[in-house]
Amino acid sequence: MVNQKKIIMLDKEFKYYLDNQNEIVKSYNGKVVVIKDDSVVDAYDSKEQAYFESIKKYKLGTFLIMRCSPGNEAYTISFPYQIFA
């Protein structure tokens, strides 16, 4: 079962990323950032490194890991589809 409180918390962290994306990209473009409590607390070269280092410091479910890049590619998934007429 999904913990609704954790989803809301991560939603807050994601909103922080979106609201501050331009400034974050200026400092961390291409890096994987860890966002906690409305700030970037760490930056790494890979998602795996970000995850394993972050769980040593922070309780799981209290931080968001994001690939930092301009635009929406880092947080948008496209599914190819075919249209049949």
PDB file of N, CA and C in Angstrom:
ATOM      1  N   MET A   1       0.839  -1.190   0.000  1.00  0.00           N
ATOM      2  CA  MET A   1       0.000   0.000   0.000  1.00  0.00           C
ATOM      3  C   MET A   1       0.885   1.256   0.000  1.00  0.00           C
ATOM      4  N   VAL A   2       0.510   2.250  -0.755  1.00  0.00           N
ATOM      5  CA  VAL A   2       1.278   3.481  -0.887  1.00  0.00           C
ATOM      6  C   VAL A   2       0.952   4.412   0.276  1.00  0.00           C
ATOM      7  N   ASN A   3       1.987   4.987   0.864  1.00  0.00           N
ATOM      8  CA  ASN A   3       1.815   5.925   1.961  1.00  0.00           C
ATOM      9  C   ASN A   3       1.530   7.310   1.366  1.00  0.00           C
ATOM     10  N   GLN A   4       0.300   7.781   1.517  1.00  0.00           N
ATOM     11  CA  GLN A   4      -0.135   9.056   0.926  1.00  0.00           C
ATOM     12  C   GLN A   4       0.693  10.229   1.441  1.00  0.00           C
ATOM     13  N   LYS A   5       1.092  10.195   2.708  1.00  0.00           N
ATOM     14  CA  LYS A   5       1.886  11.286   3.279  1.00  0.00           C
ATOM     15  C   LYS A   5       3.218  11.421   2.548  1.00  0.00           C
ATOM     16  N   LYS A   6       3.877  10.299   2.230  1.00  0.00           N
ATOM     17  CA  LYS A   6       5.153  10.349   1.523  1.00  0.00           C
ATOM     18  C   LYS A   6       4.982  10.880   0.110  1.00  0.00           C
ATOM     19  N   ILE A   7       3.898  10.524  -0.545  1.00  0.00           N
ATOM     20  CA  ILE A   7       3.637  11.041  -1.891  1.00  0.00           C
ATOM     21  C   ILE A   7       3.500  12.549  -1.845  1.00  0.00           C
ATOM     22  N   ILE A   8       2.769  13.060  -0.874  1.00  0.00           N
ATOM     23  CA  ILE A   8       2.593  14.500  -0.741  1.00  0.00           C
ATOM     24  C   ILE A   8       3.936  15.173  -0.475  1.00  0.00           C
ATOM     25  N   MET A   9       4.783  14.556   0.362  1.00  0.00           N
ATOM     26  CA  MET A   9       6.085  15.127   0.658  1.00  0.00           C
ATOM     27  C   MET A   9       6.939  15.187  -0.603  1.00  0.00           C
ATOM     28  N   LEU A  10       6.980  14.124  -1.343  1.00  0.00           N
ATOM     29  CA  LEU A  10       7.772  14.127  -2.562  1.00  0.00           C
ATOM     30  C   LEU A  10       7.186  15.064  -3.609  1.00  0.00           C
ATOM     31  N   ASP A  11       5.893  15.258  -3.588  1.00  0.00           N
ATOM     32  CA  ASP A  11       5.259  16.225  -4.471  1.00  0.00           C
ATOM     33  C   ASP A  11       5.772  17.629  -4.155  1.00  0.00           C
ATOM     34  N   LYS A  12       5.940  17.921  -2.885  1.00  0.00           N
ATOM     35  CA  LYS A  12       6.478  19.221  -2.454  1.00  0.00           C
ATOM     36  C   LYS A  12       7.907  19.389  -2.964  1.00  0.00           C
ATOM     37  N   GLU A  13       8.718  18.338  -2.891  1.00  0.00           N
ATOM     38  CA  GLU A  13      10.095  18.411  -3.351  1.00  0.00           C
ATOM     39  C   GLU A  13      10.146  18.573  -4.874  1.00  0.00           C
ATOM     40  N   PHE A  14       9.252  17.865  -5.569  1.00  0.00           N
ATOM     41  CA  PHE A  14       9.195  17.986  -7.023  1.00  0.00           C
ATOM     42  C   PHE A  14       8.770  19.397  -7.427  1.00  0.00           C
ATOM     43  N   LYS A  15       7.810  19.954  -6.727  1.00  0.00           N
ATOM     44  CA  LYS A  15       7.389  21.331  -6.999  1.00  0.00           C
ATOM     45  C   LYS A  15       8.551  22.300  -6.795  1.00  0.00           C
ATOM     46  N   TYR A  16       9.348  22.070  -5.766  1.00  0.00           N
ATOM     47  CA  TYR A  16      10.527  22.906  -5.536  1.00  0.00           C
ATOM     48  C   TYR A  16      11.453  22.842  -6.761  1.00  0.00           C
ATOM     49  N   TYR A  17      11.680  21.617  -7.275  1.00  0.00           N
ATOM     50  CA  TYR A  17      12.531  21.472  -8.460  1.00  0.00           C
ATOM     51  C   TYR A  17      11.952  22.259  -9.634  1.00  0.00           C
ATOM     52  N   LEU A  18      10.669  22.088  -9.891  1.00  0.00           N
ATOM     53  CA  LEU A  18      10.042  22.787 -11.021  1.00  0.00           C
ATOM     54  C   LEU A  18      10.115  24.302 -10.859  1.00  0.00           C
ATOM     55  N   ASP A  19       9.825  24.797  -9.670  1.00  0.00           N
ATOM     56  CA  ASP A  19       9.826  26.233  -9.408  1.00  0.00           C
ATOM     57  C   ASP A  19      11.218  26.845  -9.511  1.00  0.00           C
ATOM     58  N   ASN A  20      12.245  26.050  -9.271  1.00  0.00           N
ATOM     59  CA  ASN A  20      13.616  26.559  -9.232  1.00  0.00           C
ATOM     60  C   ASN A  20      14.518  25.910 -10.283  1.00  0.00           C
ATOM     61  N   GLN A  21      13.913  25.270 -11.265  1.00  0.00           N
ATOM     62  CA  GLN A  21      14.672  24.497 -12.237  1.00  0.00           C
ATOM     63  C   GLN A  21      15.756  25.316 -12.931  1.00  0.00           C
ATOM     64  N   ASN A  22      15.459  26.515 -13.356  1.00  0.00           N
ATOM     65  CA  ASN A  22      16.456  27.311 -14.080  1.00  0.00           C
ATOM     66  C   ASN A  22      17.697  27.563 -13.236  1.00  0.00           C
ATOM     67  N   GLU A  23      17.506  27.919 -11.973  1.00  0.00           N
ATOM     68  CA  GLU A  23      18.636  28.174 -11.092  1.00  0.00           C
ATOM     69  C   GLU A  23      19.394  26.888 -10.766  1.00  0.00           C
ATOM     70  N   ILE A  24      18.656  25.803 -10.564  1.00  0.00           N
ATOM     71  CA  ILE A  24      19.287  24.515 -10.261  1.00  0.00           C
ATOM     72  C   ILE A  24      20.118  24.046 -11.458  1.00  0.00           C
ATOM     73  N   VAL A  25      19.577  24.204 -12.658  1.00  0.00           N
ATOM     74  CA  VAL A  25      20.295  23.793 -13.868  1.00  0.00           C
ATOM     75  C   VAL A  25      21.583  24.602 -14.033  1.00  0.00           C
ATOM     76  N   LYS A  26      21.553  25.874 -13.709  1.00  0.00           N
ATOM     77  CA  LYS A  26      22.768  26.699 -13.822  1.00  0.00           C
ATOM     78  C   LYS A  26      23.908  26.133 -12.981  1.00  0.00           C
ATOM     79  N   SER A  27      23.573  25.574 -11.829  1.00  0.00           N
ATOM     80  CA  SER A  27      24.601  25.052 -10.921  1.00  0.00           C
ATOM     81  C   SER A  27      24.907  23.569 -11.107  1.00  0.00           C
ATOM     82  N   TYR A  28      23.896  22.779 -11.535  1.00  0.00           N
ATOM     83  CA  TYR A  28      24.039  21.326 -11.506  1.00  0.00           C
ATOM     84  C   TYR A  28      23.669  20.627 -12.811  1.00  0.00           C
ATOM     85  N   ASN A  29      23.693  21.319 -13.923  1.00  0.00           N
ATOM     86  CA  ASN A  29      23.281  20.710 -15.193  1.00  0.00           C
ATOM     87  C   ASN A  29      24.039  19.409 -15.457  1.00  0.00           C
ATOM     88  N   GLY A  30      23.286  18.348 -15.747  1.00  0.00           N
ATOM     89  CA  GLY A  30      23.876  17.049 -16.035  1.00  0.00           C
ATOM     90  C   GLY A  30      24.106  16.179 -14.811  1.00  0.00           C
ATOM     91  N   LYS A  31      24.002  16.754 -13.644  1.00  0.00           N
ATOM     92  CA  LYS A  31      24.187  16.007 -12.400  1.00  0.00           C
ATOM     93  C   LYS A  31      22.853  15.430 -11.939  1.00  0.00           C
ATOM     94  N   VAL A  32      22.938  14.529 -10.983  1.00  0.00           N
ATOM     95  CA  VAL A  32      21.752  14.003 -10.322  1.00  0.00           C
ATOM     96  C   VAL A  32      21.696  14.685  -8.965  1.00  0.00           C
ATOM     97  N   VAL A  33      20.629  15.442  -8.732  1.00  0.00           N
ATOM     98  CA  VAL A  33      20.527  16.197  -7.483  1.00  0.00           C
ATOM     99  C   VAL A  33      19.611  15.490  -6.492  1.00  0.00           C
ATOM    100  N   VAL A  34      19.896  15.724  -5.229  1.00  0.00           N
ATOM    101  CA  VAL A  34      19.056  15.230  -4.142  1.00  0.00           C
ATOM    102  C   VAL A  34      18.398  16.450  -3.516  1.00  0.00           C
ATOM    103  N   ILE A  35      17.064  16.434  -3.491  1.00  0.00           N
ATOM    104  CA  ILE A  35      16.304  17.555  -2.947  1.00  0.00           C
ATOM    105  C   ILE A  35      15.624  17.102  -1.672  1.00  0.00           C
ATOM    106  N   LYS A  36      15.823  17.888  -0.616  1.00  0.00           N
ATOM    107  CA  LYS A  36      15.224  17.603   0.679  1.00  0.00           C
ATOM    108  C   LYS A  36      14.906  18.932   1.344  1.00  0.00           C
ATOM    109  N   ASP A  37      13.725  19.010   1.921  1.00  0.00           N
ATOM    110  CA  ASP A  37      13.337  20.224   2.657  1.00  0.00           C
ATOM    111  C   ASP A  37      13.533  21.495   1.832  1.00  0.00           C
ATOM    112  N   ASP A  38      13.056  21.483   0.618  1.00  0.00           N
ATOM    113  CA  ASP A  38      13.096  22.658  -0.260  1.00  0.00           C
ATOM    114  C   ASP A  38      14.495  23.191  -0.530  1.00  0.00           C
ATOM    115  N   SER A  39      15.458  22.277  -0.695  1.00  0.00           N
ATOM    116  CA  SER A  39      16.781  22.701  -1.139  1.00  0.00           C
ATOM    117  C   SER A  39      17.521  21.521  -1.749  1.00  0.00           C
ATOM    118  N   VAL A  40      18.490  21.840  -2.598  1.00  0.00           N
ATOM    119  CA  VAL A  40      19.370  20.814  -3.149  1.00  0.00           C
ATOM    120  C   VAL A  40      20.427  20.550  -2.083  1.00  0.00           C
ATOM    121  N   VAL A  41      20.466  19.308  -1.591  1.00  0.00           N
ATOM    122  CA  VAL A  41      21.390  18.990  -0.508  1.00  0.00           C
ATOM    123  C   VAL A  41      22.646  18.275  -0.993  1.00  0.00           C
ATOM    124  N   ASP A  42      22.589  17.646  -2.169  1.00  0.00           N
ATOM    125  CA  ASP A  42      23.744  16.945  -2.727  1.00  0.00           C
ATOM    126  C   ASP A  42      23.590  16.851  -4.234  1.00  0.00           C
ATOM    127  N   ALA A  43      24.699  16.599  -4.905  1.00  0.00           N
ATOM    128  CA  ALA A  43      24.688  16.362  -6.355  1.00  0.00           C
ATOM    129  C   ALA A  43      25.683  15.249  -6.665  1.00  0.00           C
ATOM    130  N   TYR A  44      25.306  14.353  -7.567  1.00  0.00           N
ATOM    131  CA  TYR A  44      26.116  13.181  -7.899  1.00  0.00           C
ATOM    132  C   TYR A  44      26.153  12.989  -9.410  1.00  0.00           C
ATOM    133  N   ASP A  45      27.003  12.056  -9.838  1.00  0.00           N
ATOM    134  CA  ASP A  45      27.127  11.764 -11.260  1.00  0.00           C
ATOM    135  C   ASP A  45      26.132  10.713 -11.744  1.00  0.00           C
ATOM    136  N   SER A  46      25.580   9.910 -10.824  1.00  0.00           N
ATOM    137  CA  SER A  46      24.633   8.862 -11.224  1.00  0.00           C
ATOM    138  C   SER A  46      23.491   8.755 -10.219  1.00  0.00           C
ATOM    139  N   LYS A  47      22.371   8.200 -10.694  1.00  0.00           N
ATOM    140  CA  LYS A  47      21.221   7.983  -9.813  1.00  0.00           C
ATOM    141  C   LYS A  47      21.554   6.966  -8.735  1.00  0.00           C
ATOM    142  N   GLU A  48      22.333   5.958  -9.101  1.00  0.00           N
ATOM    143  CA  GLU A  48      22.700   4.927  -8.132  1.00  0.00           C
ATOM    144  C   GLU A  48      23.541   5.517  -7.006  1.00  0.00           C
ATOM    145  N   GLN A  49      24.514   6.315  -7.359  1.00  0.00           N
ATOM    146  CA  GLN A  49      25.355   6.953  -6.356  1.00  0.00           C
ATOM    147  C   GLN A  49      24.515   7.880  -5.478  1.00  0.00           C
ATOM    148  N   ALA A  50      23.631   8.636  -6.087  1.00  0.00           N
ATOM    149  CA  ALA A  50      22.756   9.537  -5.321  1.00  0.00           C
ATOM    150  C   ALA A  50      21.911   8.748  -4.336  1.00  0.00           C
ATOM    151  N   TYR A  51      21.350   7.644  -4.778  1.00  0.00           N
ATOM    152  CA  TYR A  51      20.494   6.828  -3.910  1.00  0.00           C
ATOM    153  C   TYR A  51      21.278   6.234  -2.743  1.00  0.00           C
ATOM    154  N   PHE A  52      22.380   5.551  -3.040  1.00  0.00           N
ATOM    155  CA  PHE A  52      23.107   4.853  -1.987  1.00  0.00           C
ATOM    156  C   PHE A  52      23.768   5.812  -0.993  1.00  0.00           C
ATOM    157  N   GLU A  53      24.214   6.954  -1.448  1.00  0.00           N
ATOM    158  CA  GLU A  53      24.772   7.943  -0.521  1.00  0.00           C
ATOM    159  C   GLU A  53      23.671   8.617   0.299  1.00  0.00           C
ATOM    160  N   SER A  54      22.537   8.869  -0.322  1.00  0.00           N
ATOM    161  CA  SER A  54      21.445   9.559   0.374  1.00  0.00           C
ATOM    162  C   SER A  54      20.814   8.707   1.468  1.00  0.00           C
ATOM    163  N   ILE A  55      20.684   7.400   1.230  1.00  0.00           N
ATOM    164  CA  ILE A  55      20.065   6.570   2.275  1.00  0.00           C
ATOM    165  C   ILE A  55      20.973   6.416   3.492  1.00  0.00           C
ATOM    166  N   LYS A  56      22.236   6.746   3.344  1.00  0.00           N
ATOM    167  CA  LYS A  56      23.137   6.774   4.511  1.00  0.00           C
ATOM    168  C   LYS A  56      22.871   8.003   5.383  1.00  0.00           C
ATOM    169  N   LYS A  57      22.396   9.078   4.768  1.00  0.00           N
ATOM    170  CA  LYS A  57      22.230  10.360   5.460  1.00  0.00           C
ATOM    171  C   LYS A  57      20.785  10.664   5.855  1.00  0.00           C
ATOM    172  N   TYR A  58      19.839  10.228   5.017  1.00  0.00           N
ATOM    173  CA  TYR A  58      18.446  10.636   5.179  1.00  0.00           C
ATOM    174  C   TYR A  58      17.533   9.418   5.212  1.00  0.00           C
ATOM    175  N   LYS A  59      16.432   9.572   5.887  1.00  0.00           N
ATOM    176  CA  LYS A  59      15.432   8.508   5.943  1.00  0.00           C
ATOM    177  C   LYS A  59      14.817   8.335   4.552  1.00  0.00           C
ATOM    178  N   LEU A  60      14.690   7.077   4.139  1.00  0.00           N
ATOM    179  CA  LEU A  60      14.091   6.776   2.847  1.00  0.00           C
ATOM    180  C   LEU A  60      12.681   7.351   2.784  1.00  0.00           C
ATOM    181  N   GLY A  61      12.367   8.002   1.685  1.00  0.00           N
ATOM    182  CA  GLY A  61      11.053   8.623   1.521  1.00  0.00           C
ATOM    183  C   GLY A  61      11.013  10.086   1.920  1.00  0.00           C
ATOM    184  N   THR A  62      12.174  10.627   2.337  1.00  0.00           N
ATOM    185  CA  THR A  62      12.210  12.032   2.747  1.00  0.00           C
ATOM    186  C   THR A  62      12.994  12.903   1.778  1.00  0.00           C
ATOM    187  N   PHE A  63      13.428  12.334   0.654  1.00  0.00           N
ATOM    188  CA  PHE A  63      14.202  13.089  -0.320  1.00  0.00           C
ATOM    189  C   PHE A  63      13.821  12.658  -1.730  1.00  0.00           C
ATOM    190  N   LEU A  64      14.092  13.534  -2.680  1.00  0.00           N
ATOM    191  CA  LEU A  64      13.787  13.286  -4.085  1.00  0.00           C
ATOM    192  C   LEU A  64      15.088  13.312  -4.873  1.00  0.00           C
ATOM    193  N   ILE A  65      15.255  12.344  -5.754  1.00  0.00           N
ATOM    194  CA  ILE A  65      16.430  12.282  -6.626  1.00  0.00           C
ATOM    195  C   ILE A  65      15.970  12.635  -8.040  1.00  0.00           C
ATOM    196  N   MET A  66      16.630  13.628  -8.636  1.00  0.00           N
ATOM    197  CA  MET A  66      16.262  14.106  -9.976  1.00  0.00           C
ATOM    198  C   MET A  66      17.498  14.296 -10.840  1.00  0.00           C
ATOM    199  N   ARG A  67      17.416  13.852 -12.095  1.00  0.00           N
ATOM    200  CA  ARG A  67      18.447  14.203 -13.082  1.00  0.00           C
ATOM    201  C   ARG A  67      18.216  15.671 -13.431  1.00  0.00           C
ATOM    202  N   CYS A  68      19.234  16.478 -13.336  1.00  0.00           N
ATOM    203  CA  CYS A  68      19.107  17.915 -13.550  1.00  0.00           C
ATOM    204  C   CYS A  68      19.411  18.251 -15.009  1.00  0.00           C
ATOM    205  N   SER A  69      18.408  18.787 -15.693  1.00  0.00           N
ATOM    206  CA  SER A  69      18.588  19.199 -17.081  1.00  0.00           C
ATOM    207  C   SER A  69      17.518  20.229 -17.424  1.00  0.00           C
ATOM    208  N   PRO A  70      17.796  21.061 -18.428  1.00  0.00           N
ATOM    209  CA  PRO A  70      16.789  22.044 -18.837  1.00  0.00           C
ATOM    210  C   PRO A  70      15.608  21.350 -19.508  1.00  0.00           C
ATOM    211  N   GLY A  71      14.481  22.013 -19.524  1.00  0.00           N
ATOM    212  CA  GLY A  71      13.296  21.457 -20.168  1.00  0.00           C
ATOM    213  C   GLY A  71      12.639  20.393 -19.318  1.00  0.00           C
ATOM    214  N   ASN A  72      11.752  19.632 -19.938  1.00  0.00           N
ATOM    215  CA  ASN A  72      10.986  18.648 -19.183  1.00  0.00           C
ATOM    216  C   ASN A  72      11.432  17.206 -19.424  1.00  0.00           C
ATOM    217  N   GLU A  73      12.529  16.992 -20.134  1.00  0.00           N
ATOM    218  CA  GLU A  73      12.967  15.633 -20.453  1.00  0.00           C
ATOM    219  C   GLU A  73      13.285  14.805 -19.211  1.00  0.00           C
ATOM    220  N   ALA A  74      13.775  15.439 -18.148  1.00  0.00           N
ATOM    221  CA  ALA A  74      14.177  14.709 -16.944  1.00  0.00           C
ATOM    222  C   ALA A  74      12.985  14.145 -16.177  1.00  0.00           C
ATOM    223  N   TYR A  75      11.805  14.695 -16.407  1.00  0.00           N
ATOM    224  CA  TYR A  75      10.652  14.248 -15.627  1.00  0.00           C
ATOM    225  C   TYR A  75       9.423  13.930 -16.478  1.00  0.00           C
ATOM    226  N   THR A  76       9.615  13.757 -17.770  1.00  0.00           N
ATOM    227  CA  THR A  76       8.504  13.427 -18.655  1.00  0.00           C
ATOM    228  C   THR A  76       8.796  12.113 -19.371  1.00  0.00           C
ATOM    229  N   ILE A  77       7.810  11.255 -19.428  1.00  0.00           N
ATOM    230  CA  ILE A  77       7.943   9.988 -20.141  1.00  0.00           C
ATOM    231  C   ILE A  77       6.985  10.008 -21.321  1.00  0.00           C
ATOM    232  N   SER A  78       7.507   9.678 -22.490  1.00  0.00           N
ATOM    233  CA  SER A  78       6.666   9.591 -23.684  1.00  0.00           C
ATOM    234  C   SER A  78       6.498   8.135 -24.062  1.00  0.00           C
ATOM    235  N   PHE A  79       5.297   7.759 -24.385  1.00  0.00           N
ATOM    236  CA  PHE A  79       5.009   6.407 -24.830  1.00  0.00           C
ATOM    237  C   PHE A  79       4.628   6.448 -26.300  1.00  0.00           C
ATOM    238  N   PRO A  80       5.419   5.796 -27.140  1.00  0.00           N
ATOM    239  CA  PRO A  80       5.061   5.777 -28.562  1.00  0.00           C
ATOM    240  C   PRO A  80       3.769   4.980 -28.764  1.00  0.00           C
ATOM    241  N   TYR A  81       2.975   5.428 -29.686  1.00  0.00           N
ATOM    242  CA  TYR A  81       1.722   4.716 -29.957  1.00  0.00           C
ATOM    243  C   TYR A  81       1.448   4.800 -31.450  1.00  0.00           C
ATOM    244  N   GLN A  82       0.593   3.927 -31.893  1.00  0.00           N
ATOM    245  CA  GLN A  82       0.190   3.916 -33.278  1.00  0.00           C
ATOM    246  C   GLN A  82      -1.299   4.240 -33.346  1.00  0.00           C
ATOM    247  N   ILE A  83      -1.657   4.981 -34.361  1.00  0.00           N
ATOM    248  CA  ILE A  83      -3.068   5.285 -34.592  1.00  0.00           C
ATOM    249  C   ILE A  83      -3.518   4.454 -35.783  1.00  0.00           C
ATOM    250  N   PHE A  84      -4.564   3.701 -35.559  1.00  0.00           N
ATOM    251  CA  PHE A  84      -5.127   2.875 -36.637  1.00  0.00           C
ATOM    252  C   PHE A  84      -6.417   3.514 -37.107  1.00  0.00           C
ATOM    253  N   ALA A  85      -6.533   3.676 -38.400  1.00  0.00           N
ATOM    254  CA  ALA A  85      -7.744   4.288 -38.949  1.00  0.00           C
ATOM    255  C   ALA A  85      -8.631   3.232 -39.579  1.00  0.00           C
TER     256      ALA A  85
END
